[in-house]
Amino acid sequence: MDALKKFAGGSSSSHGNGAQTSGEKKDVGDRVAGFINKRQGGKLSDQQLETGTDKVRGMYEKATGKKVNPKISN
């Protein structure tokens, strides 16, 4: 169950996650990017991943004219 909470963006311990100090929860896009990053060796920081997923969301919205579902990306 702890692994599921960790994947969902929660923490199984009382320690806070450094990337979430601003009170912002990770959305699905951020968690998927983090998972892929971890599988590739974890070369990018959480802030770099956040910036990248935000840029991809912006490019998608600009190209299609549609907003991304808030359940997927905020």
PDB file of N, CA and C in Angstrom:
ATOM      1  N   MET A   1       0.811  -1.182   0.000  1.00  0.00           N
ATOM      2  CA  MET A   1       0.000   0.000   0.000  1.00  0.00           C
ATOM      3  C   MET A   1       0.861   1.255   0.000  1.00  0.00           C
ATOM      4  N   ASP A   2       1.999   1.207   0.676  1.00  0.00           N
ATOM      5  CA  ASP A   2       2.887   2.364   0.695  1.00  0.00           C
ATOM      6  C   ASP A   2       3.390   2.702  -0.702  1.00  0.00           C
ATOM      7  N   ALA A   3       3.664   1.674  -1.507  1.00  0.00           N
ATOM      8  CA  ALA A   3       4.134   1.917  -2.868  1.00  0.00           C
ATOM      9  C   ALA A   3       3.052   2.611  -3.689  1.00  0.00           C
ATOM     10  N   LEU A   4       1.792   2.223  -3.466  1.00  0.00           N
ATOM     11  CA  LEU A   4       0.687   2.838  -4.184  1.00  0.00           C
ATOM     12  C   LEU A   4       0.525   4.304  -3.772  1.00  0.00           C
ATOM     13  N   LYS A   5       0.644   4.583  -2.469  1.00  0.00           N
ATOM     14  CA  LYS A   5       0.558   5.959  -1.995  1.00  0.00           C
ATOM     15  C   LYS A   5       1.699   6.803  -2.554  1.00  0.00           C
ATOM     16  N   LYS A   6       2.891   6.218  -2.599  1.00  0.00           N
ATOM     17  CA  LYS A   6       4.050   6.940  -3.116  1.00  0.00           C
ATOM     18  C   LYS A   6       3.853   7.270  -4.586  1.00  0.00           C
ATOM     19  N   PHE A   7       3.336   6.300  -5.367  1.00  0.00           N
ATOM     20  CA  PHE A   7       3.108   6.534  -6.790  1.00  0.00           C
ATOM     21  C   PHE A   7       2.029   7.591  -6.995  1.00  0.00           C
ATOM     22  N   ALA A   8       1.032   7.589  -6.129  1.00  0.00           N
ATOM     23  CA  ALA A   8      -0.075   8.535  -6.253  1.00  0.00           C
ATOM     24  C   ALA A   8       0.303   9.938  -5.781  1.00  0.00           C
ATOM     25  N   GLY A   9       1.529  10.108  -5.324  1.00  0.00           N
ATOM     26  CA  GLY A   9       1.981  11.426  -4.922  1.00  0.00           C
ATOM     27  C   GLY A   9       1.960  11.640  -3.429  1.00  0.00           C
ATOM     28  N   GLY A  10       1.506  10.646  -2.696  1.00  0.00           N
ATOM     29  CA  GLY A  10       1.480  10.751  -1.246  1.00  0.00           C
ATOM     30  C   GLY A  10       2.811  10.327  -0.668  1.00  0.00           C
ATOM     31  N   SER A  11       2.908  10.384   0.626  1.00  0.00           N
ATOM     32  CA  SER A  11       4.130   9.995   1.296  1.00  0.00           C
ATOM     33  C   SER A  11       3.778   8.997   2.377  1.00  0.00           C
ATOM     34  N   SER A  12       4.520   7.909   2.458  1.00  0.00           N
ATOM     35  CA  SER A  12       4.247   6.901   3.462  1.00  0.00           C
ATOM     36  C   SER A  12       4.872   7.257   4.799  1.00  0.00           C
ATOM     37  N   SER A  13       5.693   8.292   4.821  1.00  0.00           N
ATOM     38  CA  SER A  13       6.309   8.734   6.070  1.00  0.00           C
ATOM     39  C   SER A  13       5.851  10.155   6.374  1.00  0.00           C
ATOM     40  N   SER A  14       6.279  10.665   7.503  1.00  0.00           N
ATOM     41  CA  SER A  14       5.868  12.013   7.894  1.00  0.00           C
ATOM     42  C   SER A  14       6.752  13.087   7.274  1.00  0.00           C
ATOM     43  N   HIS A  15       7.775  12.705   6.552  1.00  0.00           N
ATOM     44  CA  HIS A  15       8.664  13.675   5.919  1.00  0.00           C
ATOM     45  C   HIS A  15       8.013  14.233   4.668  1.00  0.00           C
ATOM     46  N   GLY A  16       8.149  15.531   4.438  1.00  0.00           N
ATOM     47  CA  GLY A  16       7.577  16.162   3.260  1.00  0.00           C
ATOM     48  C   GLY A  16       8.476  15.960   2.055  1.00  0.00           C
ATOM     49  N   ASN A  17       7.894  16.033   0.889  1.00  0.00           N
ATOM     50  CA  ASN A  17       8.636  15.921  -0.357  1.00  0.00           C
ATOM     51  C   ASN A  17       9.148  17.301  -0.736  1.00  0.00           C
ATOM     52  N   GLY A  18      10.423  17.428  -1.044  1.00  0.00           N
ATOM     53  CA  GLY A  18      11.029  18.709  -1.372  1.00  0.00           C
ATOM     54  C   GLY A  18      10.378  19.415  -2.541  1.00  0.00           C
ATOM     55  N   ALA A  19       9.852  18.669  -3.510  1.00  0.00           N
ATOM     56  CA  ALA A  19       9.234  19.282  -4.674  1.00  0.00           C
ATOM     57  C   ALA A  19       7.857  19.836  -4.357  1.00  0.00           C
ATOM     58  N   GLN A  20       7.276  19.443  -3.246  1.00  0.00           N
ATOM     59  CA  GLN A  20       5.928  19.861  -2.930  1.00  0.00           C
ATOM     60  C   GLN A  20       5.891  20.877  -1.799  1.00  0.00           C
ATOM     61  N   THR A  21       6.958  21.580  -1.562  1.00  0.00           N
ATOM     62  CA  THR A  21       7.009  22.538  -0.466  1.00  0.00           C
ATOM     63  C   THR A  21       6.094  23.722  -0.700  1.00  0.00           C
ATOM     64  N   SER A  22       5.723  23.997  -1.936  1.00  0.00           N
ATOM     65  CA  SER A  22       4.836  25.118  -2.214  1.00  0.00           C
ATOM     66  C   SER A  22       3.379  24.754  -1.994  1.00  0.00           C
ATOM     67  N   GLY A  23       3.091  23.530  -1.538  1.00  0.00           N
ATOM     68  CA  GLY A  23       1.732  23.104  -1.292  1.00  0.00           C
ATOM     69  C   GLY A  23       1.053  22.571  -2.535  1.00  0.00           C
ATOM     70  N   GLU A  24       1.785  22.440  -3.602  1.00  0.00           N
ATOM     71  CA  GLU A  24       1.226  21.991  -4.864  1.00  0.00           C
ATOM     72  C   GLU A  24       1.342  20.480  -4.979  1.00  0.00           C
ATOM     73  N   LYS A  25       0.224  19.818  -5.320  1.00  0.00           N
ATOM     74  CA  LYS A  25       0.252  18.371  -5.492  1.00  0.00           C
ATOM     75  C   LYS A  25       0.673  18.038  -6.913  1.00  0.00           C
ATOM     76  N   LYS A  26       1.286  16.893  -7.080  1.00  0.00           N
ATOM     77  CA  LYS A  26       1.686  16.453  -8.402  1.00  0.00           C
ATOM     78  C   LYS A  26       0.470  15.912  -9.141  1.00  0.00           C
ATOM     79  N   ASP A  27       0.321  16.327 -10.394  1.00  0.00           N
ATOM     80  CA  ASP A  27      -0.766  15.795 -11.202  1.00  0.00           C
ATOM     81  C   ASP A  27      -0.292  14.527 -11.912  1.00  0.00           C
ATOM     82  N   VAL A  28      -1.178  13.910 -12.659  1.00  0.00           N
ATOM     83  CA  VAL A  28      -0.869  12.645 -13.319  1.00  0.00           C
ATOM     84  C   VAL A  28       0.303  12.807 -14.282  1.00  0.00           C
ATOM     85  N   GLY A  29       0.328  13.886 -15.037  1.00  0.00           N
ATOM     86  CA  GLY A  29       1.423  14.116 -15.979  1.00  0.00           C
ATOM     87  C   GLY A  29       2.773  14.190 -15.293  1.00  0.00           C
ATOM     88  N   ASP A  30       2.820  14.852 -14.146  1.00  0.00           N
ATOM     89  CA  ASP A  30       4.072  14.960 -13.384  1.00  0.00           C
ATOM     90  C   ASP A  30       4.499  13.602 -12.841  1.00  0.00           C
ATOM     91  N   ARG A  31       3.533  12.808 -12.380  1.00  0.00           N
ATOM     92  CA  ARG A  31       3.867  11.496 -11.822  1.00  0.00           C
ATOM     93  C   ARG A  31       4.368  10.552 -12.908  1.00  0.00           C
ATOM     94  N   VAL A  32       3.745  10.616 -14.103  1.00  0.00           N
ATOM     95  CA  VAL A  32       4.204   9.775 -15.211  1.00  0.00           C
ATOM     96  C   VAL A  32       5.620  10.188 -15.631  1.00  0.00           C
ATOM     97  N   ALA A  33       5.860  11.481 -15.738  1.00  0.00           N
ATOM     98  CA  ALA A  33       7.196  11.966 -16.094  1.00  0.00           C
ATOM     99  C   ALA A  33       8.216  11.541 -15.043  1.00  0.00           C
ATOM    100  N   GLY A  34       7.843  11.614 -13.774  1.00  0.00           N
ATOM    101  CA  GLY A  34       8.738  11.188 -12.699  1.00  0.00           C
ATOM    102  C   GLY A  34       9.041   9.703 -12.762  1.00  0.00           C
ATOM    103  N   PHE A  35       8.016   8.904 -13.081  1.00  0.00           N
ATOM    104  CA  PHE A  35       8.206   7.459 -13.216  1.00  0.00           C
ATOM    105  C   PHE A  35       9.169   7.145 -14.356  1.00  0.00           C
ATOM    106  N   ILE A  36       8.961   7.788 -15.503  1.00  0.00           N
ATOM    107  CA  ILE A  36       9.837   7.565 -16.662  1.00  0.00           C
ATOM    108  C   ILE A  36      11.255   8.019 -16.337  1.00  0.00           C
ATOM    109  N   ASN A  37      11.382   9.165 -15.685  1.00  0.00           N
ATOM    110  CA  ASN A  37      12.694   9.671 -15.298  1.00  0.00           C
ATOM    111  C   ASN A  37      13.410   8.680 -14.379  1.00  0.00           C
ATOM    112  N   LYS A  38      12.684   8.148 -13.421  1.00  0.00           N
ATOM    113  CA  LYS A  38      13.270   7.190 -12.490  1.00  0.00           C
ATOM    114  C   LYS A  38      13.729   5.938 -13.221  1.00  0.00           C
ATOM    115  N   ARG A  39      12.940   5.473 -14.172  1.00  0.00           N
ATOM    116  CA  ARG A  39      13.293   4.275 -14.935  1.00  0.00           C
ATOM    117  C   ARG A  39      14.517   4.521 -15.830  1.00  0.00           C
ATOM    118  N   GLN A  40      14.742   5.777 -16.208  1.00  0.00           N
ATOM    119  CA  GLN A  40      15.869   6.127 -17.070  1.00  0.00           C
ATOM    120  C   GLN A  40      17.111   6.521 -16.276  1.00  0.00           C
ATOM    121  N   GLY A  41      17.060   6.426 -14.969  1.00  0.00           N
ATOM    122  CA  GLY A  41      18.227   6.722 -14.153  1.00  0.00           C
ATOM    123  C   GLY A  41      18.097   7.957 -13.291  1.00  0.00           C
ATOM    124  N   GLY A  42      16.986   8.659 -13.348  1.00  0.00           N
ATOM    125  CA  GLY A  42      16.748   9.813 -12.480  1.00  0.00           C
ATOM    126  C   GLY A  42      17.691  10.974 -12.703  1.00  0.00           C
ATOM    127  N   LYS A  43      17.910  11.363 -13.947  1.00  0.00           N
ATOM    128  CA  LYS A  43      18.859  12.422 -14.264  1.00  0.00           C
ATOM    129  C   LYS A  43      18.275  13.825 -14.113  1.00  0.00           C
ATOM    130  N   LEU A  44      16.942  13.956 -14.077  1.00  0.00           N
ATOM    131  CA  LEU A  44      16.304  15.264 -13.995  1.00  0.00           C
ATOM    132  C   LEU A  44      15.727  15.493 -12.608  1.00  0.00           C
ATOM    133  N   SER A  45      15.752  16.754 -12.169  1.00  0.00           N
ATOM    134  CA  SER A  45      15.170  17.100 -10.873  1.00  0.00           C
ATOM    135  C   SER A  45      13.653  17.224 -11.015  1.00  0.00           C
ATOM    136  N   ASP A  46      12.958  17.251  -9.894  1.00  0.00           N
ATOM    137  CA  ASP A  46      11.507  17.409  -9.911  1.00  0.00           C
ATOM    138  C   ASP A  46      11.116  18.738 -10.548  1.00  0.00           C
ATOM    139  N   GLN A  47      11.890  19.782 -10.300  1.00  0.00           N
ATOM    140  CA  GLN A  47      11.587  21.090 -10.881  1.00  0.00           C
ATOM    141  C   GLN A  47      11.732  21.060 -12.401  1.00  0.00           C
ATOM    142  N   GLN A  48      12.741  20.376 -12.907  1.00  0.00           N
ATOM    143  CA  GLN A  48      12.921  20.257 -14.352  1.00  0.00           C
ATOM    144  C   GLN A  48      11.763  19.474 -14.976  1.00  0.00           C
ATOM    145  N   LEU A  49      11.315  18.423 -14.293  1.00  0.00           N
ATOM    146  CA  LEU A  49      10.187  17.644 -14.792  1.00  0.00           C
ATOM    147  C   LEU A  49       8.915  18.479 -14.805  1.00  0.00           C
ATOM    148  N   GLU A  50       8.699  19.258 -13.761  1.00  0.00           N
ATOM    149  CA  GLU A  50       7.516  20.123 -13.678  1.00  0.00           C
ATOM    150  C   GLU A  50       7.512  21.130 -14.823  1.00  0.00           C
ATOM    151  N   THR A  51       8.653  21.757 -15.066  1.00  0.00           N
ATOM    152  CA  THR A  51       8.775  22.715 -16.155  1.00  0.00           C
ATOM    153  C   THR A  51       8.498  22.051 -17.502  1.00  0.00           C
ATOM    154  N   GLY A  52       9.041  20.864 -17.700  1.00  0.00           N
ATOM    155  CA  GLY A  52       8.844  20.138 -18.954  1.00  0.00           C
ATOM    156  C   GLY A  52       7.402  19.751 -19.188  1.00  0.00           C
ATOM    157  N   THR A  53       6.732  19.239 -18.164  1.00  0.00           N
ATOM    158  CA  THR A  53       5.331  18.841 -18.343  1.00  0.00           C
ATOM    159  C   THR A  53       4.440  20.064 -18.562  1.00  0.00           C
ATOM    160  N   ASP A  54       4.780  21.194 -17.930  1.00  0.00           N
ATOM    161  CA  ASP A  54       4.018  22.420 -18.161  1.00  0.00           C
ATOM    162  C   ASP A  54       4.176  22.902 -19.601  1.00  0.00           C
ATOM    163  N   LYS A  55       5.390  22.803 -20.135  1.00  0.00           N
ATOM    164  CA  LYS A  55       5.621  23.215 -21.521  1.00  0.00           C
ATOM    165  C   LYS A  55       4.876  22.306 -22.496  1.00  0.00           C
ATOM    166  N   VAL A  56       4.897  20.996 -22.234  1.00  0.00           N
ATOM    167  CA  VAL A  56       4.184  20.056 -23.109  1.00  0.00           C
ATOM    168  C   VAL A  56       2.687  20.339 -23.078  1.00  0.00           C
ATOM    169  N   ARG A  57       2.142  20.596 -21.883  1.00  0.00           N
ATOM    170  CA  ARG A  57       0.720  20.917 -21.769  1.00  0.00           C
ATOM    171  C   ARG A  57       0.392  22.179 -22.568  1.00  0.00           C
ATOM    172  N   GLY A  58       1.241  23.196 -22.457  1.00  0.00           N
ATOM    173  CA  GLY A  58       1.028  24.432 -23.194  1.00  0.00           C
ATOM    174  C   GLY A  58       1.082  24.230 -24.701  1.00  0.00           C
ATOM    175  N   MET A  59       2.022  23.426 -25.160  1.00  0.00           N
ATOM    176  CA  MET A  59       2.132  23.137 -26.596  1.00  0.00           C
ATOM    177  C   MET A  59       0.907  22.389 -27.091  1.00  0.00           C
ATOM    178  N   TYR A  60       0.414  21.430 -26.301  1.00  0.00           N
ATOM    179  CA  TYR A  60      -0.785  20.673 -26.678  1.00  0.00           C
ATOM    180  C   TYR A  60      -1.986  21.611 -26.785  1.00  0.00           C
ATOM    181  N   GLU A  61      -2.146  22.469 -25.782  1.00  0.00           N
ATOM    182  CA  GLU A  61      -3.286  23.380 -25.784  1.00  0.00           C
ATOM    183  C   GLU A  61      -3.218  24.371 -26.936  1.00  0.00           C
ATOM    184  N   LYS A  62      -2.025  24.823 -27.265  1.00  0.00           N
ATOM    185  CA  LYS A  62      -1.863  25.762 -28.373  1.00  0.00           C
ATOM    186  C   LYS A  62      -2.144  25.076 -29.713  1.00  0.00           C
ATOM    187  N   ALA A  63      -1.678  23.838 -29.867  1.00  0.00           N
ATOM    188  CA  ALA A  63      -1.843  23.122 -31.136  1.00  0.00           C
ATOM    189  C   ALA A  63      -3.289  22.682 -31.374  1.00  0.00           C
ATOM    190  N   THR A  64      -3.983  22.263 -30.317  1.00  0.00           N
ATOM    191  CA  THR A  64      -5.337  21.733 -30.490  1.00  0.00           C
ATOM    192  C   THR A  64      -6.423  22.743 -30.185  1.00  0.00           C
ATOM    193  N   GLY A  65      -6.112  23.776 -29.418  1.00  0.00           N
ATOM    194  CA  GLY A  65      -7.114  24.737 -29.013  1.00  0.00           C
ATOM    195  C   GLY A  65      -8.002  24.223 -27.897  1.00  0.00           C
ATOM    196  N   LYS A  66      -7.667  23.079 -27.332  1.00  0.00           N
ATOM    197  CA  LYS A  66      -8.452  22.473 -26.257  1.00  0.00           C
ATOM    198  C   LYS A  66      -7.647  22.496 -24.968  1.00  0.00           C
ATOM    199  N   LYS A  67      -8.347  22.660 -23.858  1.00  0.00           N
ATOM    200  CA  LYS A  67      -7.714  22.593 -22.547  1.00  0.00           C
ATOM    201  C   LYS A  67      -7.502  21.134 -22.155  1.00  0.00           C
ATOM    202  N   VAL A  68      -6.430  20.871 -21.442  1.00  0.00           N
ATOM    203  CA  VAL A  68      -6.168  19.533 -20.914  1.00  0.00           C
ATOM    204  C   VAL A  68      -7.087  19.309 -19.724  1.00  0.00           C
ATOM    205  N   ASN A  69      -7.632  18.120 -19.612  1.00  0.00           N
ATOM    206  CA  ASN A  69      -8.520  17.771 -18.516  1.00  0.00           C
ATOM    207  C   ASN A  69      -7.817  18.032 -17.184  1.00  0.00           C
ATOM    208  N   PRO A  70      -8.450  18.776 -16.267  1.00  0.00           N
ATOM    209  CA  PRO A  70      -7.812  19.066 -14.972  1.00  0.00           C
ATOM    210  C   PRO A  70      -7.471  17.825 -14.158  1.00  0.00           C
ATOM    211  N   LYS A  71      -8.101  16.701 -14.430  1.00  0.00           N
ATOM    212  CA  LYS A  71      -7.777  15.464 -13.735  1.00  0.00           C
ATOM    213  C   LYS A  71      -6.401  14.969 -14.143  1.00  0.00           C
ATOM    214  N   ILE A  72      -5.962  15.345 -15.329  1.00  0.00           N
ATOM    215  CA  ILE A  72      -4.683  14.879 -15.855  1.00  0.00           C
ATOM    216  C   ILE A  72      -3.583  15.899 -15.582  1.00  0.00           C
ATOM    217  N   SER A  73      -3.843  17.154 -15.820  1.00  0.00           N
ATOM    218  CA  SER A  73      -2.817  18.187 -15.650  1.00  0.00           C
ATOM    219  C   SER A  73      -3.482  19.481 -15.202  1.00  0.00           C
ATOM    220  N   ASN A  74      -2.864  20.132 -14.225  1.00  0.00           N
ATOM    221  CA  ASN A  74      -3.447  21.387 -13.742  1.00  0.00           C
ATOM    222  C   ASN A  74      -2.647  22.573 -14.143  1.00  0.00           C
TER     223      ASN A  74
END
